[in-house]
Every structure is written in structure tokens, then in C-alpha cells.
Amino acid sequence: MAMKAANFIEPAVAAYAAAHTSPPDDLLAGLAEETHRLVGERITMQIAPEQGTLLTMLVRLIGAKRAVEVGTFTGYSSICIARGLPADGRLIACDVSEEWTAVARRYWEKAGVADRVELRLGPAADTLRAMPAEECFDFAFIDADKAGYPVYYEEILSRLRPGGLIAVDNTLQRGNITDPDAGGTVPGMREFNDLVARDPRVTSALLTIADGLTLIRKN
């Protein structure tokens, strides 16, 4: 199922880019279809297929063994992350919804990655704060409630190894990020983007893939 392109990307260009990116396999395509049947237009809560391909690639490129995800939904991104981990790798998946993560659990089993994923239900800020201060992650993905991004970022960054990577979704807000009159989650996301851009602890790059994906490397 094709995901709707962000409105700041020319549809033909978005389609071309997707067509020239390694596509999802049948399992991920099936998960996307089931999610669409369940949530309808809220399918935009799920990452785009090309983002999933990129997540797996990034996890493999940095040799990550320990990862954390904030915002699991029905499990697409967690499968992509877990597939990039080695057999003894571990992903902690944080979410508040038993309903949507029940779908994720089924697909973790189907994908053969259930032994690498640990689901922790509850507010992600509480889950992260409860982790030992010395807990060390190699990779993190943030794709949850936008108001919580600054908290998730700080809690994860303090537990990320030097050279570790954080990927943050929806940082362009469907192209509205530069609109001074935009409301909703846009002003908060603009503040978050500014926070990251001026943070001397990290090096960052905001990519115009899907709805904006910021890559943040801890110095």
C-alpha cells in the first residue's frame, strides 16, 4: 500500500524515490495493509516504507546491538529496527496502547524478531526515567506524541553511547514547519528542531524523507 506523500514533496518525485528504494517484503506490506484497515486515514501514524528501509540500514551501518523506540503503534518500525540488530541484539519498544501493540506482537512473531523486542507499556517518559542511568543504547527512534519529544530526546541522549544515533520522525510537519501561522503541533516541533540544531552535544541532519526525519549523532 502506497503511503500518502508529505505535501512539500512533488508527488511524482516522491513516487520516483520510493520506486528506487528497496521495497518492503510481503510481511511488512501485509502489516501496512492490516493497519490501514484498522485505522483508515490514521495510517499516517505509521512510517513510510522508505523510512523502514532506512532504519534497518542505519541500525546495521552503526553496528547497533541495543536500541530503544518511543512510539511502537502496530509494529512496522520496530520490525525494521529489530531486523537490523544482530541475533543477540535487543530493542525496547515503548508505547501506551495495548490495542495497537497487540498487532505488533503478532507481527514480531511472524517476522521472527520477537526474541529481540521487549515491549514496555506505559508513558514513555516514565519508562525512560526508570531505566538505570548507565543504560547504554546505540540507536533510538522517536515517533510518538510530539509534545513529549524534548523529554524523550534528553532521556535517551543521556543513555546513548558516543557515536550513537537517534532518528526522529515528523520533524517537517507536512511542510508546515516554516509557516509562522501554523498551529497544532507545529510550534512545538519548531522549538524541538531549534533545540537539536543548537545542541553542542550532537551533530544533526534533517532529511526531507516522508514527513521529515532528523538524524542525530551523539558527539
N, C-alpha and C. Protein backbone atom coordinates (compact mmCIF):
# COMPACT_ATOMS: atom_id res chain seq x y z
N MET A 1 0.84 -1.19 0.00
CA MET A 1 0.00 0.00 0.00
C MET A 1 0.87 1.24 0.00
N ALA A 2 0.65 2.14 -0.92
CA ALA A 2 1.44 3.37 -1.01
C ALA A 2 1.00 4.34 0.08
N MET A 3 1.97 4.93 0.76
CA MET A 3 1.69 5.92 1.79
C MET A 3 1.53 7.28 1.14
N LYS A 4 0.68 8.13 1.70
CA LYS A 4 0.49 9.47 1.18
C LYS A 4 1.75 10.30 1.40
N ALA A 5 2.23 10.95 0.34
CA ALA A 5 3.44 11.75 0.44
C ALA A 5 3.17 13.02 1.22
N ALA A 6 4.21 13.53 1.89
CA ALA A 6 4.09 14.82 2.55
C ALA A 6 3.84 15.89 1.49
N ASN A 7 3.10 16.94 1.86
CA ASN A 7 2.66 17.89 0.85
C ASN A 7 3.74 18.85 0.37
N PHE A 8 4.96 18.76 0.91
CA PHE A 8 6.03 19.61 0.43
C PHE A 8 6.89 18.89 -0.61
N ILE A 9 6.59 17.65 -0.90
CA ILE A 9 7.32 16.89 -1.89
C ILE A 9 6.44 16.68 -3.11
N GLU A 10 6.96 16.99 -4.27
CA GLU A 10 6.22 16.77 -5.51
C GLU A 10 5.86 15.29 -5.61
N PRO A 11 4.56 14.96 -5.77
CA PRO A 11 4.13 13.56 -5.77
C PRO A 11 4.92 12.66 -6.73
N ALA A 12 5.22 13.17 -7.92
CA ALA A 12 5.97 12.36 -8.89
C ALA A 12 7.38 12.07 -8.38
N VAL A 13 7.99 13.06 -7.72
CA VAL A 13 9.33 12.86 -7.17
C VAL A 13 9.29 11.86 -6.01
N ALA A 14 8.27 11.99 -5.14
CA ALA A 14 8.12 11.05 -4.03
C ALA A 14 7.92 9.63 -4.54
N ALA A 15 7.11 9.47 -5.57
CA ALA A 15 6.87 8.15 -6.15
C ALA A 15 8.14 7.59 -6.77
N TYR A 16 8.91 8.45 -7.43
CA TYR A 16 10.16 8.02 -8.04
C TYR A 16 11.15 7.55 -6.97
N ALA A 17 11.25 8.33 -5.89
CA ALA A 17 12.17 7.97 -4.82
C ALA A 17 11.78 6.64 -4.19
N ALA A 18 10.48 6.45 -3.96
CA ALA A 18 10.00 5.19 -3.38
C ALA A 18 10.28 4.02 -4.31
N ALA A 19 10.11 4.24 -5.61
CA ALA A 19 10.33 3.18 -6.59
C ALA A 19 11.79 2.80 -6.72
N HIS A 20 12.68 3.69 -6.29
CA HIS A 20 14.11 3.42 -6.37
C HIS A 20 14.72 3.18 -4.99
N THR A 21 13.90 2.78 -4.06
CA THR A 21 14.32 2.35 -2.73
C THR A 21 13.91 0.90 -2.55
N SER A 22 14.76 0.10 -1.92
CA SER A 22 14.42 -1.32 -1.71
C SER A 22 13.06 -1.40 -1.04
N PRO A 23 12.12 -2.15 -1.62
CA PRO A 23 10.74 -2.16 -1.12
C PRO A 23 10.58 -3.05 0.11
N PRO A 24 9.47 -2.87 0.82
CA PRO A 24 9.18 -3.76 1.96
C PRO A 24 8.86 -5.15 1.46
N ASP A 25 9.13 -6.16 2.29
CA ASP A 25 8.77 -7.52 1.91
C ASP A 25 7.29 -7.75 2.14
N ASP A 26 6.84 -8.97 1.87
CA ASP A 26 5.41 -9.27 1.97
C ASP A 26 4.89 -9.11 3.39
N LEU A 27 5.71 -9.41 4.38
CA LEU A 27 5.25 -9.30 5.77
C LEU A 27 4.98 -7.84 6.13
N LEU A 28 5.91 -6.95 5.80
CA LEU A 28 5.70 -5.54 6.11
C LEU A 28 4.56 -4.96 5.29
N ALA A 29 4.45 -5.38 4.04
CA ALA A 29 3.33 -4.90 3.22
C ALA A 29 2.00 -5.37 3.80
N GLY A 30 1.98 -6.60 4.31
CA GLY A 30 0.77 -7.12 4.93
C GLY A 30 0.42 -6.38 6.20
N LEU A 31 1.43 -6.02 6.99
CA LEU A 31 1.20 -5.24 8.20
C LEU A 31 0.65 -3.86 7.86
N ALA A 32 1.19 -3.24 6.82
CA ALA A 32 0.69 -1.93 6.40
C ALA A 32 -0.77 -2.02 5.96
N GLU A 33 -1.11 -3.07 5.23
CA GLU A 33 -2.49 -3.24 4.78
C GLU A 33 -3.43 -3.46 5.95
N GLU A 34 -3.04 -4.31 6.90
CA GLU A 34 -3.90 -4.56 8.06
C GLU A 34 -4.07 -3.29 8.89
N THR A 35 -2.97 -2.55 9.06
CA THR A 35 -3.05 -1.31 9.82
C THR A 35 -4.00 -0.32 9.14
N HIS A 36 -3.94 -0.25 7.83
CA HIS A 36 -4.83 0.65 7.10
C HIS A 36 -6.28 0.26 7.29
N ARG A 37 -6.57 -1.03 7.29
CA ARG A 37 -7.94 -1.48 7.52
C ARG A 37 -8.41 -1.11 8.92
N LEU A 38 -7.51 -1.15 9.87
CA LEU A 38 -7.87 -0.87 11.26
C LEU A 38 -8.05 0.61 11.56
N VAL A 39 -7.20 1.44 10.96
CA VAL A 39 -7.17 2.85 11.38
C VAL A 39 -7.57 3.84 10.29
N GLY A 40 -7.72 3.37 9.05
CA GLY A 40 -8.14 4.28 7.98
C GLY A 40 -7.13 5.38 7.74
N GLU A 41 -7.61 6.63 7.77
CA GLU A 41 -6.75 7.77 7.46
C GLU A 41 -5.63 7.98 8.47
N ARG A 42 -5.79 7.38 9.65
CA ARG A 42 -4.72 7.50 10.64
C ARG A 42 -3.50 6.64 10.29
N ILE A 43 -3.51 6.04 9.10
CA ILE A 43 -2.37 5.26 8.65
C ILE A 43 -1.11 6.12 8.61
N THR A 44 -1.26 7.44 8.56
CA THR A 44 -0.10 8.33 8.57
C THR A 44 0.69 8.23 9.88
N MET A 45 0.11 7.59 10.88
CA MET A 45 0.85 7.35 12.12
C MET A 45 1.96 6.31 11.90
N GLN A 46 1.84 5.54 10.83
CA GLN A 46 2.84 4.53 10.51
C GLN A 46 3.91 5.14 9.61
N ILE A 47 5.15 4.74 9.80
CA ILE A 47 6.22 5.28 8.98
C ILE A 47 6.05 4.83 7.53
N ALA A 48 6.63 5.61 6.61
CA ALA A 48 6.60 5.27 5.20
C ALA A 48 7.55 4.10 4.94
N PRO A 49 7.27 3.29 3.91
CA PRO A 49 8.14 2.13 3.61
C PRO A 49 9.60 2.51 3.43
N GLU A 50 9.87 3.64 2.76
CA GLU A 50 11.27 4.02 2.55
C GLU A 50 11.97 4.38 3.86
N GLN A 51 11.19 4.87 4.83
CA GLN A 51 11.77 5.11 6.15
C GLN A 51 12.15 3.80 6.82
N GLY A 52 11.30 2.80 6.66
CA GLY A 52 11.61 1.49 7.24
C GLY A 52 12.89 0.91 6.68
N THR A 53 13.06 1.02 5.37
CA THR A 53 14.29 0.55 4.74
C THR A 53 15.49 1.28 5.29
N LEU A 54 15.34 2.60 5.47
CA LEU A 54 16.44 3.41 6.00
C LEU A 54 16.77 3.03 7.45
N LEU A 55 15.75 2.81 8.27
CA LEU A 55 16.00 2.44 9.66
C LEU A 55 16.83 1.16 9.77
N THR A 56 16.44 0.14 9.00
CA THR A 56 17.19 -1.11 9.03
C THR A 56 18.64 -0.87 8.61
N MET A 57 18.81 -0.08 7.56
CA MET A 57 20.15 0.21 7.06
C MET A 57 20.99 0.95 8.11
N LEU A 58 20.40 1.95 8.75
CA LEU A 58 21.14 2.72 9.75
C LEU A 58 21.57 1.86 10.93
N VAL A 59 20.67 1.02 11.41
CA VAL A 59 20.99 0.15 12.54
C VAL A 59 22.16 -0.76 12.19
N ARG A 60 22.15 -1.29 10.97
CA ARG A 60 23.25 -2.16 10.54
C ARG A 60 24.54 -1.37 10.35
N LEU A 61 24.44 -0.19 9.78
CA LEU A 61 25.64 0.60 9.48
C LEU A 61 26.42 0.97 10.74
N ILE A 62 25.70 1.28 11.84
CA ILE A 62 26.42 1.68 13.06
C ILE A 62 26.71 0.48 13.96
N GLY A 63 26.32 -0.72 13.53
CA GLY A 63 26.57 -1.92 14.32
C GLY A 63 25.83 -1.93 15.65
N ALA A 64 24.63 -1.40 15.65
CA ALA A 64 23.86 -1.31 16.90
C ALA A 64 23.49 -2.68 17.46
N LYS A 65 23.56 -2.79 18.77
CA LYS A 65 23.11 -4.01 19.46
C LYS A 65 21.97 -3.71 20.42
N ARG A 66 21.93 -2.49 20.94
CA ARG A 66 20.89 -2.11 21.89
C ARG A 66 20.16 -0.88 21.35
N ALA A 67 18.85 -1.00 21.25
CA ALA A 67 18.05 0.07 20.67
C ALA A 67 16.81 0.33 21.51
N VAL A 68 16.26 1.52 21.36
CA VAL A 68 15.01 1.88 22.03
C VAL A 68 14.14 2.63 21.05
N GLU A 69 12.85 2.39 21.15
CA GLU A 69 11.87 3.05 20.29
C GLU A 69 10.78 3.66 21.15
N VAL A 70 10.45 4.91 20.88
CA VAL A 70 9.34 5.57 21.57
C VAL A 70 8.22 5.77 20.55
N GLY A 71 7.17 5.00 20.69
CA GLY A 71 6.06 5.03 19.76
C GLY A 71 6.11 3.81 18.84
N THR A 72 5.44 2.74 19.24
CA THR A 72 5.52 1.47 18.51
C THR A 72 4.35 1.28 17.55
N PHE A 73 3.15 1.75 17.94
CA PHE A 73 1.95 1.61 17.12
C PHE A 73 1.74 0.13 16.78
N THR A 74 1.60 -0.23 15.51
CA THR A 74 1.35 -1.63 15.16
C THR A 74 2.61 -2.39 14.80
N GLY A 75 3.77 -1.77 14.97
CA GLY A 75 5.00 -2.55 14.91
C GLY A 75 5.87 -2.45 13.67
N TYR A 76 5.49 -1.63 12.70
CA TYR A 76 6.27 -1.57 11.46
C TYR A 76 7.72 -1.14 11.73
N SER A 77 7.88 -0.02 12.41
CA SER A 77 9.24 0.49 12.65
C SER A 77 10.04 -0.44 13.54
N SER A 78 9.40 -1.05 14.53
CA SER A 78 10.13 -1.95 15.43
C SER A 78 10.65 -3.17 14.69
N ILE A 79 9.88 -3.68 13.74
CA ILE A 79 10.37 -4.80 12.93
C ILE A 79 11.59 -4.37 12.12
N CYS A 80 11.51 -3.20 11.52
CA CYS A 80 12.63 -2.71 10.72
C CYS A 80 13.88 -2.52 11.56
N ILE A 81 13.73 -1.99 12.77
CA ILE A 81 14.88 -1.81 13.66
C ILE A 81 15.42 -3.17 14.10
N ALA A 82 14.53 -4.05 14.54
CA ALA A 82 14.96 -5.36 15.04
C ALA A 82 15.68 -6.17 13.96
N ARG A 83 15.24 -6.02 12.73
CA ARG A 83 15.90 -6.75 11.64
C ARG A 83 17.32 -6.27 11.40
N GLY A 84 17.62 -5.05 11.80
CA GLY A 84 18.98 -4.55 11.65
C GLY A 84 19.90 -4.97 12.78
N LEU A 85 19.34 -5.46 13.87
CA LEU A 85 20.13 -5.88 15.03
C LEU A 85 20.70 -7.28 14.82
N PRO A 86 21.80 -7.61 15.49
CA PRO A 86 22.30 -8.98 15.45
C PRO A 86 21.37 -9.90 16.24
N ALA A 87 21.61 -11.19 16.15
CA ALA A 87 20.74 -12.17 16.80
C ALA A 87 20.65 -11.95 18.31
N ASP A 88 21.72 -11.42 18.92
CA ASP A 88 21.70 -11.17 20.36
C ASP A 88 21.38 -9.72 20.69
N GLY A 89 20.88 -8.97 19.70
CA GLY A 89 20.52 -7.58 19.94
C GLY A 89 19.21 -7.45 20.68
N ARG A 90 18.92 -6.23 21.13
CA ARG A 90 17.71 -6.02 21.93
C ARG A 90 17.11 -4.66 21.63
N LEU A 91 15.82 -4.64 21.42
CA LEU A 91 15.07 -3.41 21.21
C LEU A 91 14.03 -3.28 22.30
N ILE A 92 14.04 -2.16 23.01
CA ILE A 92 13.00 -1.85 23.98
C ILE A 92 11.98 -0.96 23.28
N ALA A 93 10.75 -1.44 23.17
CA ALA A 93 9.69 -0.72 22.48
C ALA A 93 8.74 -0.11 23.51
N CYS A 94 8.59 1.21 23.47
CA CYS A 94 7.78 1.93 24.44
C CYS A 94 6.49 2.42 23.78
N ASP A 95 5.35 2.12 24.40
CA ASP A 95 4.07 2.57 23.87
C ASP A 95 3.05 2.53 25.00
N VAL A 96 1.91 3.22 24.79
CA VAL A 96 0.86 3.25 25.80
C VAL A 96 -0.35 2.39 25.42
N SER A 97 -0.40 1.92 24.18
CA SER A 97 -1.60 1.25 23.69
C SER A 97 -1.47 -0.27 23.67
N GLU A 98 -2.27 -0.94 24.47
CA GLU A 98 -2.32 -2.39 24.41
C GLU A 98 -2.96 -2.86 23.11
N GLU A 99 -3.94 -2.08 22.62
CA GLU A 99 -4.66 -2.46 21.40
C GLU A 99 -3.73 -2.52 20.20
N TRP A 100 -2.99 -1.44 19.94
CA TRP A 100 -2.15 -1.42 18.74
C TRP A 100 -0.93 -2.30 18.90
N THR A 101 -0.35 -2.37 20.09
CA THR A 101 0.83 -3.22 20.25
C THR A 101 0.48 -4.70 20.24
N ALA A 102 -0.79 -5.05 20.42
CA ALA A 102 -1.19 -6.45 20.24
C ALA A 102 -0.98 -6.87 18.79
N VAL A 103 -1.25 -5.94 17.87
CA VAL A 103 -0.96 -6.21 16.45
C VAL A 103 0.54 -6.35 16.26
N ALA A 104 1.29 -5.46 16.89
CA ALA A 104 2.75 -5.51 16.77
C ALA A 104 3.30 -6.84 17.27
N ARG A 105 2.79 -7.32 18.39
CA ARG A 105 3.26 -8.60 18.93
C ARG A 105 3.06 -9.73 17.92
N ARG A 106 1.92 -9.77 17.26
CA ARG A 106 1.66 -10.82 16.27
C ARG A 106 2.67 -10.77 15.13
N TYR A 107 2.96 -9.56 14.69
CA TYR A 107 3.88 -9.43 13.57
C TYR A 107 5.34 -9.61 13.98
N TRP A 108 5.69 -9.33 15.22
CA TRP A 108 7.04 -9.66 15.69
C TRP A 108 7.26 -11.16 15.60
N GLU A 109 6.25 -11.91 16.00
CA GLU A 109 6.35 -13.38 15.91
C GLU A 109 6.48 -13.81 14.45
N LYS A 110 5.64 -13.27 13.59
CA LYS A 110 5.69 -13.63 12.17
C LYS A 110 7.04 -13.29 11.55
N ALA A 111 7.62 -12.18 11.99
CA ALA A 111 8.89 -11.72 11.43
C ALA A 111 10.09 -12.44 12.03
N GLY A 112 9.86 -13.20 13.08
CA GLY A 112 10.95 -13.92 13.73
C GLY A 112 11.86 -13.03 14.56
N VAL A 113 11.33 -11.90 15.04
CA VAL A 113 12.17 -10.99 15.84
C VAL A 113 11.63 -10.81 17.26
N ALA A 114 10.63 -11.60 17.63
CA ALA A 114 10.01 -11.42 18.96
C ALA A 114 11.02 -11.58 20.09
N ASP A 115 12.04 -12.39 19.89
CA ASP A 115 13.03 -12.61 20.93
C ASP A 115 13.99 -11.42 21.09
N ARG A 116 13.93 -10.47 20.16
CA ARG A 116 14.79 -9.29 20.23
C ARG A 116 14.06 -8.07 20.76
N VAL A 117 12.73 -8.16 20.89
CA VAL A 117 11.93 -6.97 21.24
C VAL A 117 11.30 -7.15 22.62
N GLU A 118 11.48 -6.15 23.44
CA GLU A 118 10.83 -6.12 24.76
C GLU A 118 9.87 -4.94 24.79
N LEU A 119 8.59 -5.22 24.94
CA LEU A 119 7.58 -4.16 24.98
C LEU A 119 7.39 -3.67 26.41
N ARG A 120 7.43 -2.36 26.58
CA ARG A 120 7.16 -1.76 27.88
C ARG A 120 6.00 -0.79 27.72
N LEU A 121 4.86 -1.17 28.27
CA LEU A 121 3.64 -0.37 28.17
C LEU A 121 3.60 0.68 29.27
N GLY A 122 3.20 1.87 28.90
CA GLY A 122 3.10 2.97 29.86
C GLY A 122 3.66 4.23 29.25
N PRO A 123 3.49 5.38 29.91
CA PRO A 123 4.05 6.62 29.40
C PRO A 123 5.56 6.49 29.18
N ALA A 124 6.01 6.83 27.99
CA ALA A 124 7.42 6.60 27.65
C ALA A 124 8.37 7.41 28.54
N ALA A 125 7.96 8.61 28.93
CA ALA A 125 8.83 9.41 29.80
C ALA A 125 9.11 8.66 31.10
N ASP A 126 8.08 8.05 31.68
CA ASP A 126 8.25 7.28 32.91
C ASP A 126 9.12 6.05 32.67
N THR A 127 8.89 5.38 31.53
CA THR A 127 9.67 4.19 31.20
C THR A 127 11.15 4.53 31.07
N LEU A 128 11.45 5.62 30.37
CA LEU A 128 12.84 6.01 30.17
C LEU A 128 13.49 6.45 31.48
N ARG A 129 12.77 7.22 32.27
CA ARG A 129 13.34 7.70 33.53
C ARG A 129 13.60 6.57 34.51
N ALA A 130 12.85 5.48 34.39
CA ALA A 130 13.02 4.34 35.29
C ALA A 130 14.23 3.48 34.92
N MET A 131 14.80 3.72 33.76
CA MET A 131 15.96 2.94 33.33
C MET A 131 17.19 3.39 34.10
N PRO A 132 18.12 2.48 34.35
CA PRO A 132 19.37 2.86 35.02
C PRO A 132 20.09 3.96 34.24
N ALA A 133 20.71 4.87 34.96
CA ALA A 133 21.40 5.99 34.30
C ALA A 133 22.51 5.49 33.39
N GLU A 134 23.09 4.34 33.71
CA GLU A 134 24.20 3.84 32.92
C GLU A 134 23.75 2.98 31.74
N GLU A 135 22.43 2.79 31.59
CA GLU A 135 21.93 2.01 30.46
C GLU A 135 22.41 2.66 29.17
N CYS A 136 22.99 1.88 28.28
CA CYS A 136 23.63 2.44 27.10
C CYS A 136 22.98 1.92 25.82
N PHE A 137 22.46 2.84 25.03
CA PHE A 137 21.86 2.49 23.75
C PHE A 137 22.78 2.91 22.61
N ASP A 138 22.66 2.18 21.51
CA ASP A 138 23.38 2.52 20.29
C ASP A 138 22.50 3.28 19.31
N PHE A 139 21.19 2.99 19.36
CA PHE A 139 20.27 3.55 18.38
C PHE A 139 18.92 3.81 19.05
N ALA A 140 18.26 4.88 18.62
CA ALA A 140 16.92 5.21 19.14
C ALA A 140 16.06 5.78 18.03
N PHE A 141 14.77 5.51 18.12
CA PHE A 141 13.81 6.08 17.17
C PHE A 141 12.68 6.70 17.96
N ILE A 142 12.37 7.96 17.67
CA ILE A 142 11.30 8.69 18.36
C ILE A 142 10.20 9.01 17.36
N ASP A 143 9.01 8.50 17.63
CA ASP A 143 7.86 8.73 16.75
C ASP A 143 6.58 8.59 17.58
N ALA A 144 6.37 9.54 18.46
CA ALA A 144 5.24 9.46 19.39
C ALA A 144 4.60 10.83 19.51
N ASP A 145 3.98 11.12 20.66
CA ASP A 145 3.33 12.42 20.85
C ASP A 145 4.38 13.51 20.76
N LYS A 146 4.10 14.50 19.92
CA LYS A 146 5.12 15.49 19.59
C LYS A 146 5.50 16.37 20.78
N ALA A 147 4.55 16.63 21.67
CA ALA A 147 4.86 17.46 22.84
C ALA A 147 5.91 16.81 23.73
N GLY A 148 6.01 15.49 23.66
CA GLY A 148 6.95 14.78 24.51
C GLY A 148 8.36 14.67 23.94
N TYR A 149 8.56 15.13 22.72
CA TYR A 149 9.86 14.96 22.07
C TYR A 149 11.04 15.49 22.87
N PRO A 150 10.98 16.71 23.44
CA PRO A 150 12.14 17.20 24.19
C PRO A 150 12.51 16.29 25.37
N VAL A 151 11.51 15.76 26.06
CA VAL A 151 11.77 14.87 27.19
C VAL A 151 12.38 13.56 26.70
N TYR A 152 11.79 12.97 25.67
CA TYR A 152 12.32 11.71 25.14
C TYR A 152 13.76 11.90 24.67
N TYR A 153 13.99 13.00 24.01
CA TYR A 153 15.34 13.29 23.49
C TYR A 153 16.36 13.35 24.62
N GLU A 154 16.07 14.10 25.66
CA GLU A 154 17.02 14.25 26.77
C GLU A 154 17.26 12.93 27.50
N GLU A 155 16.18 12.21 27.76
CA GLU A 155 16.32 10.95 28.49
C GLU A 155 17.11 9.92 27.68
N ILE A 156 16.89 9.91 26.37
CA ILE A 156 17.61 8.95 25.52
C ILE A 156 19.06 9.39 25.33
N LEU A 157 19.28 10.68 25.06
CA LEU A 157 20.63 11.16 24.81
C LEU A 157 21.56 10.86 25.97
N SER A 158 21.05 10.97 27.18
CA SER A 158 21.88 10.70 28.36
C SER A 158 22.26 9.23 28.46
N ARG A 159 21.53 8.36 27.78
CA ARG A 159 21.79 6.92 27.82
C ARG A 159 22.34 6.39 26.50
N LEU A 160 22.68 7.29 25.59
CA LEU A 160 23.19 6.92 24.27
C LEU A 160 24.71 6.93 24.29
N ARG A 161 25.31 5.92 23.70
CA ARG A 161 26.77 5.90 23.65
C ARG A 161 27.29 6.99 22.71
N PRO A 162 28.51 7.46 22.93
CA PRO A 162 29.12 8.38 21.96
C PRO A 162 29.15 7.70 20.58
N GLY A 163 28.74 8.43 19.56
CA GLY A 163 28.66 7.86 18.23
C GLY A 163 27.34 7.18 17.96
N GLY A 164 26.48 7.10 18.98
CA GLY A 164 25.15 6.52 18.81
C GLY A 164 24.25 7.45 18.04
N LEU A 165 23.14 6.92 17.56
CA LEU A 165 22.28 7.67 16.65
C LEU A 165 20.83 7.67 17.12
N ILE A 166 20.19 8.84 17.04
CA ILE A 166 18.76 8.99 17.29
C ILE A 166 18.10 9.42 15.98
N ALA A 167 17.03 8.76 15.59
CA ALA A 167 16.23 9.16 14.44
C ALA A 167 14.89 9.67 14.95
N VAL A 168 14.48 10.84 14.50
CA VAL A 168 13.25 11.48 14.99
C VAL A 168 12.32 11.75 13.81
N ASP A 169 11.08 11.29 13.90
CA ASP A 169 10.14 11.39 12.78
C ASP A 169 9.25 12.63 12.89
N ASN A 170 8.69 13.01 11.75
CA ASN A 170 7.70 14.10 11.63
C ASN A 170 8.25 15.48 11.91
N THR A 171 9.52 15.69 11.65
CA THR A 171 10.12 16.97 12.01
C THR A 171 9.87 18.08 11.00
N LEU A 172 9.18 17.78 9.89
CA LEU A 172 8.80 18.84 8.95
C LEU A 172 7.30 19.12 8.95
N GLN A 173 6.53 18.31 9.69
CA GLN A 173 5.11 18.61 9.89
C GLN A 173 4.37 18.87 8.58
N ARG A 174 4.52 17.95 7.65
CA ARG A 174 3.87 18.03 6.35
C ARG A 174 4.13 19.35 5.64
N GLY A 175 5.34 19.88 5.85
CA GLY A 175 5.74 21.11 5.19
C GLY A 175 5.30 22.37 5.91
N ASN A 176 4.58 22.24 7.00
CA ASN A 176 4.07 23.41 7.71
C ASN A 176 5.07 24.00 8.69
N ILE A 177 6.23 23.37 8.81
CA ILE A 177 7.19 23.79 9.83
C ILE A 177 7.66 25.23 9.64
N THR A 178 7.63 25.73 8.40
CA THR A 178 8.09 27.10 8.15
C THR A 178 6.96 28.12 8.12
N ASP A 179 5.74 27.67 8.36
CA ASP A 179 4.59 28.57 8.35
C ASP A 179 4.43 29.20 9.73
N PRO A 180 4.67 30.49 9.87
CA PRO A 180 4.60 31.13 11.19
C PRO A 180 3.19 31.13 11.77
N ASP A 181 2.18 30.92 10.94
CA ASP A 181 0.80 30.93 11.42
C ASP A 181 0.25 29.54 11.72
N ALA A 182 1.04 28.51 11.47
CA ALA A 182 0.58 27.15 11.70
C ALA A 182 0.43 26.88 13.19
N GLY A 183 -0.64 26.18 13.53
CA GLY A 183 -0.88 25.85 14.94
C GLY A 183 -0.65 24.38 15.20
N GLY A 184 -1.44 23.84 16.12
CA GLY A 184 -1.33 22.41 16.44
C GLY A 184 0.04 22.06 16.99
N THR A 185 0.64 21.02 16.43
CA THR A 185 1.94 20.55 16.92
C THR A 185 3.12 21.26 16.27
N VAL A 186 2.85 22.15 15.32
CA VAL A 186 3.94 22.77 14.56
C VAL A 186 4.84 23.65 15.44
N PRO A 187 4.30 24.59 16.25
CA PRO A 187 5.20 25.42 17.06
C PRO A 187 6.11 24.61 17.98
N GLY A 188 5.55 23.57 18.59
CA GLY A 188 6.36 22.73 19.47
C GLY A 188 7.45 22.00 18.72
N MET A 189 7.12 21.53 17.52
CA MET A 189 8.14 20.84 16.72
C MET A 189 9.22 21.81 16.27
N ARG A 190 8.83 23.04 15.96
CA ARG A 190 9.82 24.05 15.58
C ARG A 190 10.79 24.30 16.74
N GLU A 191 10.27 24.37 17.95
CA GLU A 191 11.12 24.56 19.12
C GLU A 191 12.05 23.36 19.31
N PHE A 192 11.51 22.16 19.08
CA PHE A 192 12.35 20.97 19.22
C PHE A 192 13.48 20.98 18.18
N ASN A 193 13.13 21.29 16.94
CA ASN A 193 14.14 21.34 15.89
C ASN A 193 15.24 22.35 16.21
N ASP A 194 14.84 23.51 16.75
CA ASP A 194 15.81 24.53 17.14
C ASP A 194 16.70 24.02 18.28
N LEU A 195 16.08 23.32 19.23
CA LEU A 195 16.83 22.77 20.35
C LEU A 195 17.94 21.84 19.86
N VAL A 196 17.59 20.95 18.94
CA VAL A 196 18.56 19.99 18.42
C VAL A 196 19.65 20.70 17.62
N ALA A 197 19.24 21.66 16.79
CA ALA A 197 20.20 22.35 15.91
C ALA A 197 21.27 23.10 16.69
N ARG A 198 20.92 23.60 17.88
CA ARG A 198 21.90 24.37 18.64
C ARG A 198 22.55 23.57 19.78
N ASP A 199 22.28 22.27 19.85
CA ASP A 199 22.82 21.42 20.92
C ASP A 199 24.27 21.05 20.60
N PRO A 200 25.24 21.51 21.37
CA PRO A 200 26.66 21.21 21.08
C PRO A 200 27.04 19.76 21.33
N ARG A 201 26.14 19.00 21.97
CA ARG A 201 26.45 17.60 22.27
C ARG A 201 26.27 16.69 21.07
N VAL A 202 25.64 17.20 20.01
CA VAL A 202 25.27 16.34 18.89
C VAL A 202 25.60 16.99 17.55
N THR A 203 25.58 16.14 16.51
CA THR A 203 25.62 16.58 15.12
C THR A 203 24.34 16.07 14.48
N SER A 204 23.62 16.94 13.76
CA SER A 204 22.32 16.54 13.26
C SER A 204 22.14 16.88 11.79
N ALA A 205 21.22 16.14 11.16
CA ALA A 205 20.84 16.41 9.76
C ALA A 205 19.36 16.13 9.63
N LEU A 206 18.60 17.12 9.15
CA LEU A 206 17.18 16.96 8.96
C LEU A 206 16.94 16.58 7.49
N LEU A 207 16.45 15.38 7.28
CA LEU A 207 16.25 14.84 5.94
C LEU A 207 14.82 15.08 5.47
N THR A 208 14.65 15.39 4.21
CA THR A 208 13.31 15.61 3.65
C THR A 208 12.74 14.31 3.12
N ILE A 209 12.77 13.26 3.92
CA ILE A 209 12.17 11.98 3.58
C ILE A 209 10.84 11.87 4.31
N ALA A 210 9.80 11.46 3.57
CA ALA A 210 8.45 11.33 4.15
C ALA A 210 8.05 12.65 4.81
N ASP A 211 7.79 12.63 6.13
CA ASP A 211 7.34 13.84 6.82
C ASP A 211 8.48 14.53 7.56
N GLY A 212 9.71 14.26 7.12
CA GLY A 212 10.87 14.82 7.79
C GLY A 212 11.44 13.85 8.80
N LEU A 213 12.69 13.49 8.64
CA LEU A 213 13.36 12.56 9.56
C LEU A 213 14.70 13.18 9.96
N THR A 214 14.85 13.49 11.23
CA THR A 214 16.10 14.08 11.72
C THR A 214 17.00 13.00 12.29
N LEU A 215 18.23 12.96 11.80
CA LEU A 215 19.24 12.04 12.33
C LEU A 215 20.16 12.81 13.24
N ILE A 216 20.35 12.29 14.46
CA ILE A 216 21.11 12.99 15.49
C ILE A 216 22.19 12.05 16.02
N ARG A 217 23.45 12.43 15.81
CA ARG A 217 24.57 11.62 16.29
C ARG A 217 25.18 12.25 17.53
N LYS A 218 25.35 11.46 18.57
CA LYS A 218 25.95 11.97 19.80
C LYS A 218 27.45 12.09 19.59
N ASN A 219 27.99 13.28 19.86
CA ASN A 219 29.42 13.53 19.65
C ASN A 219 30.28 12.77 20.65
